[in-house]
N, C-alpha and C. Protein backbone atom coordinates (compact mmCIF):
# COMPACT_ATOMS: atom_id res chain seq x y z
N MET A 1 -45.26 -151.01 23.86
CA MET A 1 -44.97 -151.65 25.13
C MET A 1 -45.07 -150.61 26.24
N GLN A 2 -45.60 -151.03 27.39
CA GLN A 2 -45.69 -150.15 28.53
C GLN A 2 -44.31 -149.87 29.10
N GLN A 3 -44.22 -148.80 29.89
CA GLN A 3 -42.95 -148.50 30.54
C GLN A 3 -42.64 -149.57 31.57
N LEU A 4 -41.41 -150.04 31.56
CA LEU A 4 -40.98 -151.05 32.52
C LEU A 4 -40.21 -150.40 33.65
N THR A 5 -40.50 -150.86 34.86
CA THR A 5 -39.77 -150.41 36.04
C THR A 5 -39.18 -151.63 36.72
N LEU A 6 -37.91 -151.55 37.07
CA LEU A 6 -37.22 -152.61 37.78
C LEU A 6 -37.05 -152.20 39.23
N LYS A 7 -37.30 -153.14 40.15
CA LYS A 7 -37.09 -152.89 41.57
C LYS A 7 -36.04 -153.85 42.08
N VAL A 8 -35.03 -153.32 42.76
CA VAL A 8 -33.95 -154.14 43.32
C VAL A 8 -34.51 -154.92 44.50
N ILE A 9 -34.47 -156.27 44.41
CA ILE A 9 -34.97 -157.08 45.52
C ILE A 9 -33.84 -157.81 46.26
N SER A 10 -32.67 -157.91 45.63
CA SER A 10 -31.50 -158.44 46.34
C SER A 10 -30.23 -158.03 45.60
N LEU A 11 -29.14 -157.93 46.37
CA LEU A 11 -27.84 -157.53 45.85
C LEU A 11 -26.78 -158.50 46.36
N TYR A 12 -25.73 -158.71 45.55
CA TYR A 12 -24.69 -159.68 45.88
C TYR A 12 -23.33 -159.17 45.46
N ARG A 13 -22.32 -159.57 46.23
CA ARG A 13 -20.94 -159.24 45.90
C ARG A 13 -20.09 -160.45 46.23
N SER A 14 -19.13 -160.74 45.38
CA SER A 14 -18.21 -161.85 45.58
C SER A 14 -16.92 -161.30 46.18
N LEU A 15 -16.62 -161.71 47.41
CA LEU A 15 -15.44 -161.17 48.09
C LEU A 15 -14.15 -161.86 47.67
N THR A 16 -14.23 -163.14 47.31
CA THR A 16 -13.04 -163.87 46.87
C THR A 16 -13.38 -164.75 45.68
N HIS A 17 -12.39 -164.96 44.81
CA HIS A 17 -12.59 -165.84 43.66
C HIS A 17 -12.87 -167.26 44.12
N GLY A 18 -13.71 -167.96 43.38
CA GLY A 18 -13.96 -169.37 43.65
C GLY A 18 -14.96 -169.64 44.76
N THR A 19 -15.61 -168.59 45.27
CA THR A 19 -16.63 -168.79 46.29
C THR A 19 -17.93 -168.16 45.82
N MET A 20 -19.02 -168.58 46.44
CA MET A 20 -20.31 -167.99 46.11
C MET A 20 -20.35 -166.55 46.59
N SER A 21 -21.22 -165.79 45.97
CA SER A 21 -21.40 -164.40 46.36
C SER A 21 -22.12 -164.31 47.70
N SER A 22 -21.98 -163.16 48.32
CA SER A 22 -22.65 -162.88 49.59
C SER A 22 -23.71 -161.81 49.37
N SER A 23 -24.80 -161.94 50.09
CA SER A 23 -25.86 -160.95 50.03
C SER A 23 -25.39 -159.67 50.73
N VAL A 24 -25.67 -158.53 50.11
CA VAL A 24 -25.31 -157.23 50.67
C VAL A 24 -26.50 -156.29 50.54
N GLU A 25 -26.47 -155.18 51.25
CA GLU A 25 -27.56 -154.21 51.19
C GLU A 25 -27.28 -153.08 50.23
N VAL A 26 -25.99 -152.91 49.85
CA VAL A 26 -25.58 -151.81 48.99
C VAL A 26 -24.48 -152.27 48.05
N LEU A 27 -24.54 -151.82 46.79
CA LEU A 27 -23.45 -152.01 45.83
C LEU A 27 -23.04 -150.63 45.35
N HIS A 28 -21.74 -150.43 45.24
CA HIS A 28 -21.22 -149.18 44.69
C HIS A 28 -20.48 -149.53 43.41
N LEU A 29 -20.86 -148.88 42.29
CA LEU A 29 -20.24 -149.13 41.00
C LEU A 29 -19.56 -147.88 40.48
N ARG A 30 -18.41 -148.08 39.84
CA ARG A 30 -17.68 -147.01 39.16
C ARG A 30 -17.58 -147.35 37.69
N PRO A 31 -17.70 -146.37 36.81
CA PRO A 31 -17.68 -146.65 35.38
C PRO A 31 -16.37 -147.24 34.85
N ASP A 32 -15.26 -146.91 35.46
CA ASP A 32 -13.98 -147.43 34.99
C ASP A 32 -13.58 -148.71 35.71
N TYR A 33 -14.46 -149.23 36.55
CA TYR A 33 -14.07 -150.33 37.42
C TYR A 33 -15.11 -151.43 37.55
N GLY A 34 -16.32 -151.08 37.88
CA GLY A 34 -17.37 -152.05 38.16
C GLY A 34 -17.77 -151.96 39.61
N ILE A 35 -18.07 -153.09 40.23
CA ILE A 35 -18.52 -153.13 41.62
C ILE A 35 -17.31 -153.02 42.54
N VAL A 36 -17.29 -151.99 43.34
CA VAL A 36 -16.19 -151.78 44.29
C VAL A 36 -16.24 -152.90 45.33
N GLY A 37 -15.10 -153.57 45.51
CA GLY A 37 -14.99 -154.64 46.49
C GLY A 37 -15.34 -156.02 45.97
N ASP A 38 -15.71 -156.13 44.71
CA ASP A 38 -16.04 -157.43 44.13
C ASP A 38 -14.79 -158.08 43.57
N SER A 39 -14.62 -159.37 43.81
CA SER A 39 -13.40 -160.06 43.38
C SER A 39 -13.27 -160.18 41.87
N HIS A 40 -14.35 -159.97 41.14
CA HIS A 40 -14.30 -160.10 39.68
C HIS A 40 -13.95 -158.78 38.97
N MET A 41 -13.85 -157.70 39.72
CA MET A 41 -13.64 -156.41 39.09
C MET A 41 -12.17 -156.05 39.04
N GLU A 42 -11.86 -155.25 38.07
CA GLU A 42 -10.51 -154.74 37.88
C GLU A 42 -10.62 -153.48 37.06
N GLU A 43 -9.54 -152.72 37.00
CA GLU A 43 -9.58 -151.50 36.20
C GLU A 43 -9.96 -151.85 34.77
N ARG A 44 -10.76 -151.02 34.17
CA ARG A 44 -11.21 -151.22 32.80
C ARG A 44 -10.46 -150.26 31.89
N ASN A 45 -10.34 -150.63 30.64
CA ASN A 45 -9.72 -149.77 29.64
C ASN A 45 -10.78 -149.30 28.67
N VAL A 46 -10.54 -148.19 28.02
CA VAL A 46 -11.44 -147.68 26.99
C VAL A 46 -10.71 -147.83 25.66
N ASP A 47 -11.36 -148.53 24.70
CA ASP A 47 -10.71 -148.73 23.41
C ASP A 47 -10.86 -147.48 22.54
N ILE A 48 -10.35 -147.51 21.33
CA ILE A 48 -10.32 -146.32 20.48
C ILE A 48 -11.72 -145.86 20.05
N THR A 49 -12.71 -146.74 20.16
CA THR A 49 -14.08 -146.34 19.81
C THR A 49 -14.82 -145.75 21.01
N GLY A 50 -14.16 -145.76 22.18
CA GLY A 50 -14.80 -145.25 23.39
C GLY A 50 -15.51 -146.31 24.19
N GLU A 51 -15.45 -147.56 23.74
CA GLU A 51 -16.11 -148.68 24.41
C GLU A 51 -15.29 -149.12 25.62
N VAL A 52 -15.98 -149.35 26.75
CA VAL A 52 -15.33 -149.85 27.95
C VAL A 52 -15.05 -151.34 27.77
N VAL A 53 -13.80 -151.75 28.01
CA VAL A 53 -13.40 -153.14 27.83
C VAL A 53 -12.79 -153.64 29.11
N PRO A 54 -13.13 -154.79 29.68
CA PRO A 54 -14.29 -155.57 29.28
C PRO A 54 -15.59 -154.88 29.70
N ASN A 55 -16.68 -155.35 29.13
CA ASN A 55 -17.95 -154.65 29.31
C ASN A 55 -18.91 -155.40 30.24
N ARG A 56 -18.38 -155.87 31.35
CA ARG A 56 -19.21 -156.62 32.29
C ARG A 56 -18.91 -156.18 33.71
N HIS A 57 -19.57 -155.12 34.13
CA HIS A 57 -19.42 -154.62 35.49
C HIS A 57 -20.35 -155.33 36.47
N PHE A 58 -21.49 -155.79 35.98
CA PHE A 58 -22.48 -156.43 36.83
C PHE A 58 -23.29 -157.43 36.02
N THR A 59 -23.93 -158.37 36.72
CA THR A 59 -24.93 -159.23 36.08
C THR A 59 -26.22 -159.06 36.86
N ALA A 60 -27.33 -159.16 36.15
CA ALA A 60 -28.65 -158.99 36.76
C ALA A 60 -29.56 -160.13 36.34
N VAL A 61 -30.37 -160.58 37.27
CA VAL A 61 -31.30 -161.70 37.03
C VAL A 61 -32.69 -161.32 37.50
N HIS A 62 -33.65 -162.20 37.16
CA HIS A 62 -35.05 -162.04 37.53
C HIS A 62 -35.52 -163.31 38.22
N PRO A 63 -36.23 -163.21 39.34
CA PRO A 63 -36.62 -164.41 40.08
C PRO A 63 -37.51 -165.37 39.30
N GLY A 64 -38.35 -164.86 38.43
CA GLY A 64 -39.22 -165.73 37.62
C GLY A 64 -38.40 -166.61 36.68
N GLU A 65 -37.37 -166.01 36.08
CA GLU A 65 -36.51 -166.79 35.19
C GLU A 65 -35.68 -167.80 35.98
N LEU A 66 -35.22 -167.41 37.16
CA LEU A 66 -34.49 -168.37 38.00
C LEU A 66 -35.40 -169.53 38.37
N GLY A 67 -36.67 -169.25 38.60
CA GLY A 67 -37.63 -170.31 38.89
C GLY A 67 -37.81 -171.26 37.73
N ARG A 68 -37.80 -170.73 36.52
CA ARG A 68 -37.93 -171.59 35.33
C ARG A 68 -36.69 -172.47 35.17
N ILE A 69 -35.52 -171.93 35.47
CA ILE A 69 -34.29 -172.73 35.42
C ILE A 69 -34.36 -173.82 36.49
N ALA A 70 -34.76 -173.45 37.69
CA ALA A 70 -34.86 -174.41 38.79
C ALA A 70 -35.80 -175.55 38.42
N HIS A 71 -36.93 -175.21 37.85
CA HIS A 71 -37.89 -176.25 37.43
C HIS A 71 -37.25 -177.20 36.42
N ALA A 72 -36.55 -176.65 35.44
CA ALA A 72 -35.90 -177.47 34.41
C ALA A 72 -34.84 -178.39 35.02
N LEU A 73 -34.17 -177.94 36.08
CA LEU A 73 -33.13 -178.74 36.72
C LEU A 73 -33.69 -179.69 37.79
N GLY A 74 -34.96 -179.49 38.16
CA GLY A 74 -35.56 -180.34 39.18
C GLY A 74 -35.16 -179.97 40.59
N VAL A 75 -34.90 -178.68 40.81
CA VAL A 75 -34.57 -178.20 42.16
C VAL A 75 -35.65 -177.21 42.59
N PRO A 76 -35.82 -177.01 43.91
CA PRO A 76 -36.90 -176.14 44.36
C PRO A 76 -36.71 -174.65 44.05
N PHE A 77 -35.48 -174.18 44.01
CA PHE A 77 -35.21 -172.77 43.72
C PHE A 77 -33.73 -172.60 43.42
N ILE A 78 -33.38 -171.42 42.90
CA ILE A 78 -31.98 -171.05 42.68
C ILE A 78 -31.77 -169.68 43.29
N ASP A 79 -30.85 -169.60 44.23
CA ASP A 79 -30.47 -168.33 44.84
C ASP A 79 -29.52 -167.62 43.87
N PRO A 80 -29.74 -166.34 43.57
CA PRO A 80 -28.84 -165.62 42.66
C PRO A 80 -27.37 -165.68 43.09
N ALA A 81 -27.10 -165.78 44.38
CA ALA A 81 -25.72 -165.86 44.87
C ALA A 81 -25.01 -167.10 44.33
N TRP A 82 -25.75 -168.17 44.13
CA TRP A 82 -25.14 -169.43 43.68
C TRP A 82 -24.58 -169.32 42.28
N ILE A 83 -25.17 -168.43 41.45
CA ILE A 83 -24.70 -168.29 40.07
C ILE A 83 -23.96 -166.97 39.87
N LYS A 84 -23.57 -166.36 41.00
CA LYS A 84 -22.75 -165.15 41.02
C LYS A 84 -23.40 -163.94 40.35
N ALA A 85 -24.72 -163.86 40.46
CA ALA A 85 -25.41 -162.65 40.00
C ALA A 85 -25.11 -161.53 40.99
N ASN A 86 -25.23 -160.29 40.53
CA ASN A 86 -25.00 -159.15 41.42
C ASN A 86 -26.29 -158.45 41.82
N ILE A 87 -27.25 -158.42 40.91
CA ILE A 87 -28.51 -157.73 41.18
C ILE A 87 -29.66 -158.65 40.79
N CYS A 88 -30.66 -158.74 41.65
CA CYS A 88 -31.89 -159.44 41.31
C CYS A 88 -33.00 -158.40 41.28
N PHE A 89 -33.64 -158.27 40.12
CA PHE A 89 -34.68 -157.27 39.90
C PHE A 89 -36.05 -157.94 39.82
N ALA A 90 -37.03 -157.35 40.48
CA ALA A 90 -38.42 -157.66 40.20
C ALA A 90 -38.82 -156.74 39.05
N CYS A 91 -39.62 -157.24 38.13
CA CYS A 91 -39.99 -156.46 36.96
C CYS A 91 -41.43 -156.76 36.59
N LEU A 92 -42.31 -155.80 36.82
CA LEU A 92 -43.69 -155.97 36.39
C LEU A 92 -43.80 -155.59 34.93
N GLY A 93 -44.59 -156.33 34.20
CA GLY A 93 -44.83 -155.97 32.81
C GLY A 93 -44.19 -156.88 31.80
N THR A 94 -43.30 -157.78 32.25
CA THR A 94 -42.73 -158.74 31.30
C THR A 94 -42.35 -160.02 32.03
N ASP A 95 -42.58 -161.12 31.37
CA ASP A 95 -42.14 -162.42 31.87
C ASP A 95 -40.83 -162.83 31.21
N HIS A 96 -40.31 -161.97 30.35
CA HIS A 96 -39.12 -162.28 29.56
C HIS A 96 -38.03 -161.23 29.81
N PHE A 97 -37.56 -161.19 31.03
CA PHE A 97 -36.55 -160.21 31.46
C PHE A 97 -35.32 -160.24 30.57
N THR A 98 -34.71 -161.42 30.41
CA THR A 98 -33.47 -161.54 29.64
C THR A 98 -33.67 -161.14 28.19
N GLU A 99 -34.77 -161.55 27.59
CA GLU A 99 -35.03 -161.20 26.18
C GLU A 99 -35.39 -159.73 26.00
N THR A 100 -36.03 -159.14 26.99
CA THR A 100 -36.48 -157.76 26.88
C THR A 100 -35.34 -156.76 27.02
N LEU A 101 -34.43 -157.00 27.96
CA LEU A 101 -33.35 -156.05 28.21
C LEU A 101 -32.20 -156.29 27.23
N VAL A 102 -32.39 -155.87 26.01
CA VAL A 102 -31.42 -156.09 24.94
C VAL A 102 -30.23 -155.16 25.11
N ALA A 103 -29.13 -155.49 24.43
CA ALA A 103 -27.95 -154.64 24.44
C ALA A 103 -28.33 -153.21 24.05
N GLY A 104 -27.80 -152.27 24.78
CA GLY A 104 -28.11 -150.86 24.53
C GLY A 104 -29.20 -150.31 25.43
N THR A 105 -29.90 -151.19 26.15
CA THR A 105 -30.92 -150.74 27.09
C THR A 105 -30.24 -149.96 28.21
N LYS A 106 -30.83 -148.83 28.57
CA LYS A 106 -30.30 -148.03 29.67
C LYS A 106 -31.26 -148.12 30.86
N LEU A 107 -30.68 -148.11 32.05
CA LEU A 107 -31.47 -148.09 33.27
C LEU A 107 -31.32 -146.71 33.88
N LEU A 108 -32.47 -146.04 34.07
CA LEU A 108 -32.50 -144.68 34.57
C LEU A 108 -32.80 -144.69 36.06
N ASP A 109 -32.06 -143.89 36.82
CA ASP A 109 -32.29 -143.81 38.26
C ASP A 109 -33.53 -142.95 38.54
N ALA A 110 -33.80 -142.72 39.81
CA ALA A 110 -35.00 -141.97 40.22
C ALA A 110 -34.99 -140.53 39.70
N GLN A 111 -33.81 -139.99 39.40
CA GLN A 111 -33.70 -138.64 38.85
C GLN A 111 -33.77 -138.62 37.33
N GLY A 112 -33.93 -139.78 36.70
CA GLY A 112 -34.03 -139.87 35.25
C GLY A 112 -32.71 -139.92 34.53
N ARG A 113 -31.61 -140.12 35.26
CA ARG A 113 -30.28 -140.19 34.65
C ARG A 113 -29.97 -141.64 34.27
N ALA A 114 -29.41 -141.83 33.09
CA ALA A 114 -28.97 -143.17 32.67
C ALA A 114 -27.70 -143.50 33.45
N VAL A 115 -27.78 -144.51 34.34
CA VAL A 115 -26.63 -144.84 35.18
C VAL A 115 -26.05 -146.22 34.88
N LEU A 116 -26.86 -147.10 34.27
CA LEU A 116 -26.41 -148.44 33.89
C LEU A 116 -26.81 -148.70 32.45
N GLU A 117 -25.98 -149.48 31.75
CA GLU A 117 -26.31 -149.87 30.37
C GLU A 117 -26.13 -151.37 30.22
N ILE A 118 -27.12 -152.00 29.63
CA ILE A 118 -27.06 -153.43 29.35
C ILE A 118 -26.19 -153.64 28.12
N LYS A 119 -25.24 -154.58 28.23
CA LYS A 119 -24.34 -154.87 27.12
C LYS A 119 -24.65 -156.20 26.46
N GLY A 120 -25.38 -157.09 27.13
CA GLY A 120 -25.71 -158.36 26.49
C GLY A 120 -26.30 -159.36 27.46
N VAL A 121 -26.59 -160.52 26.92
CA VAL A 121 -27.13 -161.64 27.67
C VAL A 121 -25.97 -162.35 28.38
N THR A 122 -26.19 -162.74 29.62
CA THR A 122 -25.18 -163.49 30.36
C THR A 122 -25.23 -164.95 29.92
N ASP A 123 -24.11 -165.45 29.46
CA ASP A 123 -24.03 -166.85 29.05
C ASP A 123 -23.96 -167.75 30.28
N PRO A 124 -24.86 -168.72 30.39
CA PRO A 124 -24.78 -169.65 31.52
C PRO A 124 -23.62 -170.63 31.34
N CYS A 125 -23.02 -171.04 32.45
CA CYS A 125 -21.87 -171.94 32.38
C CYS A 125 -22.07 -173.14 33.30
N VAL A 126 -21.29 -174.17 33.06
CA VAL A 126 -21.36 -175.39 33.86
C VAL A 126 -21.00 -175.10 35.32
N THR A 127 -20.08 -174.16 35.56
CA THR A 127 -19.71 -173.83 36.92
C THR A 127 -20.92 -173.37 37.73
N GLY A 128 -21.79 -172.58 37.11
CA GLY A 128 -23.03 -172.18 37.77
C GLY A 128 -23.87 -173.39 38.13
N GLY A 129 -23.95 -174.34 37.23
CA GLY A 129 -24.67 -175.58 37.49
C GLY A 129 -24.05 -176.37 38.63
N GLU A 130 -22.74 -176.35 38.71
CA GLU A 130 -22.05 -177.06 39.80
C GLU A 130 -22.37 -176.42 41.15
N TYR A 131 -22.40 -175.08 41.19
CA TYR A 131 -22.77 -174.40 42.44
C TYR A 131 -24.19 -174.77 42.85
N VAL A 132 -25.11 -174.80 41.89
CA VAL A 132 -26.50 -175.18 42.19
C VAL A 132 -26.55 -176.62 42.70
N ALA A 133 -25.87 -177.52 42.01
CA ALA A 133 -25.89 -178.94 42.39
C ALA A 133 -25.38 -179.16 43.81
N THR A 134 -24.36 -178.40 44.23
CA THR A 134 -23.82 -178.60 45.58
C THR A 134 -24.81 -178.19 46.67
N GLN A 135 -25.79 -177.38 46.32
CA GLN A 135 -26.79 -176.95 47.30
C GLN A 135 -27.84 -178.02 47.58
N PHE A 136 -27.92 -179.00 46.67
CA PHE A 136 -28.94 -180.05 46.79
C PHE A 136 -28.29 -181.42 46.67
N PRO A 137 -27.44 -181.80 47.63
CA PRO A 137 -26.72 -183.08 47.53
C PRO A 137 -27.66 -184.30 47.55
N HIS A 138 -28.87 -184.12 48.06
CA HIS A 138 -29.83 -185.22 48.12
C HIS A 138 -30.58 -185.41 46.79
N LEU A 139 -30.38 -184.48 45.86
CA LEU A 139 -31.02 -184.58 44.54
C LEU A 139 -29.96 -184.90 43.49
N THR A 140 -30.38 -185.50 42.43
CA THR A 140 -29.47 -185.74 41.31
C THR A 140 -29.61 -184.57 40.34
N VAL A 141 -28.68 -183.64 40.45
CA VAL A 141 -28.70 -182.45 39.59
C VAL A 141 -27.56 -182.56 38.60
N ALA A 142 -27.89 -182.56 37.34
CA ALA A 142 -26.88 -182.65 36.28
C ALA A 142 -26.35 -181.25 35.97
N ALA A 143 -25.21 -180.90 36.59
CA ALA A 143 -24.63 -179.56 36.43
C ALA A 143 -24.39 -179.23 34.96
N GLN A 144 -24.03 -180.22 34.17
CA GLN A 144 -23.74 -179.96 32.76
C GLN A 144 -25.00 -179.56 31.98
N TYR A 145 -26.18 -179.77 32.56
CA TYR A 145 -27.43 -179.40 31.91
C TYR A 145 -27.77 -177.92 32.16
N PHE A 146 -27.12 -177.31 33.15
CA PHE A 146 -27.43 -175.92 33.50
C PHE A 146 -27.35 -174.96 32.30
N PRO A 147 -26.28 -174.98 31.48
CA PRO A 147 -26.25 -174.03 30.36
C PRO A 147 -27.46 -174.14 29.43
N ARG A 148 -27.91 -175.35 29.16
CA ARG A 148 -29.07 -175.52 28.29
C ARG A 148 -30.34 -175.06 28.99
N ALA A 149 -30.49 -175.42 30.28
CA ALA A 149 -31.68 -175.05 31.04
C ALA A 149 -31.75 -173.53 31.25
N ALA A 150 -30.61 -172.88 31.35
CA ALA A 150 -30.56 -171.45 31.66
C ALA A 150 -30.42 -170.56 30.42
N TYR A 151 -30.37 -171.16 29.24
CA TYR A 151 -30.20 -170.39 28.01
C TYR A 151 -31.31 -169.34 27.88
N MET A 152 -30.95 -168.09 27.72
CA MET A 152 -31.84 -166.94 27.59
C MET A 152 -32.70 -166.71 28.85
N LEU A 153 -32.24 -167.28 29.98
CA LEU A 153 -32.91 -167.06 31.26
C LEU A 153 -31.92 -166.64 32.34
N ARG A 154 -30.64 -166.61 32.04
CA ARG A 154 -29.57 -166.35 33.02
C ARG A 154 -29.39 -164.87 33.29
N GLY A 155 -30.17 -164.04 32.64
CA GLY A 155 -30.10 -162.61 32.88
C GLY A 155 -29.17 -161.89 31.94
N VAL A 156 -28.81 -160.69 32.33
CA VAL A 156 -28.04 -159.80 31.46
C VAL A 156 -26.82 -159.27 32.22
N HIS A 157 -25.90 -158.72 31.46
CA HIS A 157 -24.73 -158.07 32.06
C HIS A 157 -24.61 -156.67 31.47
N GLY A 158 -23.91 -155.81 32.21
CA GLY A 158 -23.78 -154.44 31.73
C GLY A 158 -22.70 -153.68 32.45
N ILE A 159 -22.71 -152.37 32.20
CA ILE A 159 -21.69 -151.47 32.75
C ILE A 159 -22.35 -150.31 33.49
N ALA A 160 -21.56 -149.70 34.35
CA ALA A 160 -21.97 -148.45 35.01
C ALA A 160 -21.58 -147.31 34.09
N LEU A 161 -22.51 -146.42 33.81
CA LEU A 161 -22.24 -145.25 32.98
C LEU A 161 -21.69 -144.10 33.81
N GLU A 162 -22.03 -144.12 35.08
CA GLU A 162 -21.48 -143.14 36.01
C GLU A 162 -21.44 -143.77 37.39
N GLU A 163 -20.77 -143.12 38.31
CA GLU A 163 -20.67 -143.66 39.66
C GLU A 163 -22.07 -143.73 40.26
N VAL A 164 -22.40 -144.88 40.80
CA VAL A 164 -23.75 -145.09 41.32
C VAL A 164 -23.72 -146.02 42.52
N THR A 165 -24.56 -145.73 43.49
CA THR A 165 -24.76 -146.61 44.64
C THR A 165 -26.16 -147.18 44.52
N ILE A 166 -26.26 -148.51 44.56
CA ILE A 166 -27.54 -149.19 44.44
C ILE A 166 -27.88 -149.82 45.78
N ARG A 167 -29.12 -149.60 46.21
CA ARG A 167 -29.60 -150.13 47.48
C ARG A 167 -30.82 -151.00 47.25
N LEU A 168 -31.09 -151.86 48.24
CA LEU A 168 -32.31 -152.65 48.18
C LEU A 168 -33.51 -151.73 48.06
N ALA A 169 -34.47 -152.12 47.24
CA ALA A 169 -35.72 -151.41 46.98
C ALA A 169 -35.57 -150.21 46.03
N ASP A 170 -34.34 -149.92 45.55
CA ASP A 170 -34.18 -148.88 44.53
C ASP A 170 -34.96 -149.29 43.29
N THR A 171 -35.43 -148.30 42.54
CA THR A 171 -36.12 -148.61 41.29
C THR A 171 -35.40 -147.92 40.13
N PHE A 172 -35.49 -148.56 38.96
CA PHE A 172 -34.90 -148.05 37.74
C PHE A 172 -35.94 -148.14 36.64
N THR A 173 -35.97 -147.12 35.81
CA THR A 173 -36.84 -147.13 34.64
C THR A 173 -36.05 -147.66 33.47
N VAL A 174 -36.67 -148.54 32.70
CA VAL A 174 -36.01 -149.16 31.53
C VAL A 174 -36.21 -148.26 30.32
N GLN A 175 -35.10 -147.94 29.66
CA GLN A 175 -35.14 -147.18 28.41
C GLN A 175 -34.56 -148.08 27.32
N LEU A 176 -35.44 -148.67 26.52
CA LEU A 176 -34.99 -149.56 25.45
C LEU A 176 -34.36 -148.75 24.33
N PRO A 177 -33.40 -149.35 23.60
CA PRO A 177 -32.75 -148.62 22.52
C PRO A 177 -33.69 -148.38 21.34
């Protein structure tokens, strides 16, 4: 497989629980915490094996996969903010972002340092479908269908391995396990 490069095309942070995320130009992540200023983050603990618990500092999506979900739901598009994603990456070289970035994948910054690690696939939920449905009140969108439509297309989640600031247009090299 060719080397994959991810380019940050949008960033999001949720300021309060129960609301959609807001678009931002910068995200700051800490390894013991997650996204600074995000309503979903809290201090993390390290278990006896050295694993960070919980292991979900961020979620990342791909616009092509969001388009496939939108098509399945019969809506024109899905904004990553509606499903509370934090990072939207453009990725040349694969049409299967969620399947490709398996657990253990590391994302290397421009200096070649591993700064993010993928921990798994993000499970789609009905709440995400409800947020999408509210954006298109003139369409009949079955929110309960979202988990099935988004299965293996909802992106991935992971942790910060070190303190990192992510900006729009930043690029990361994918290092598969």
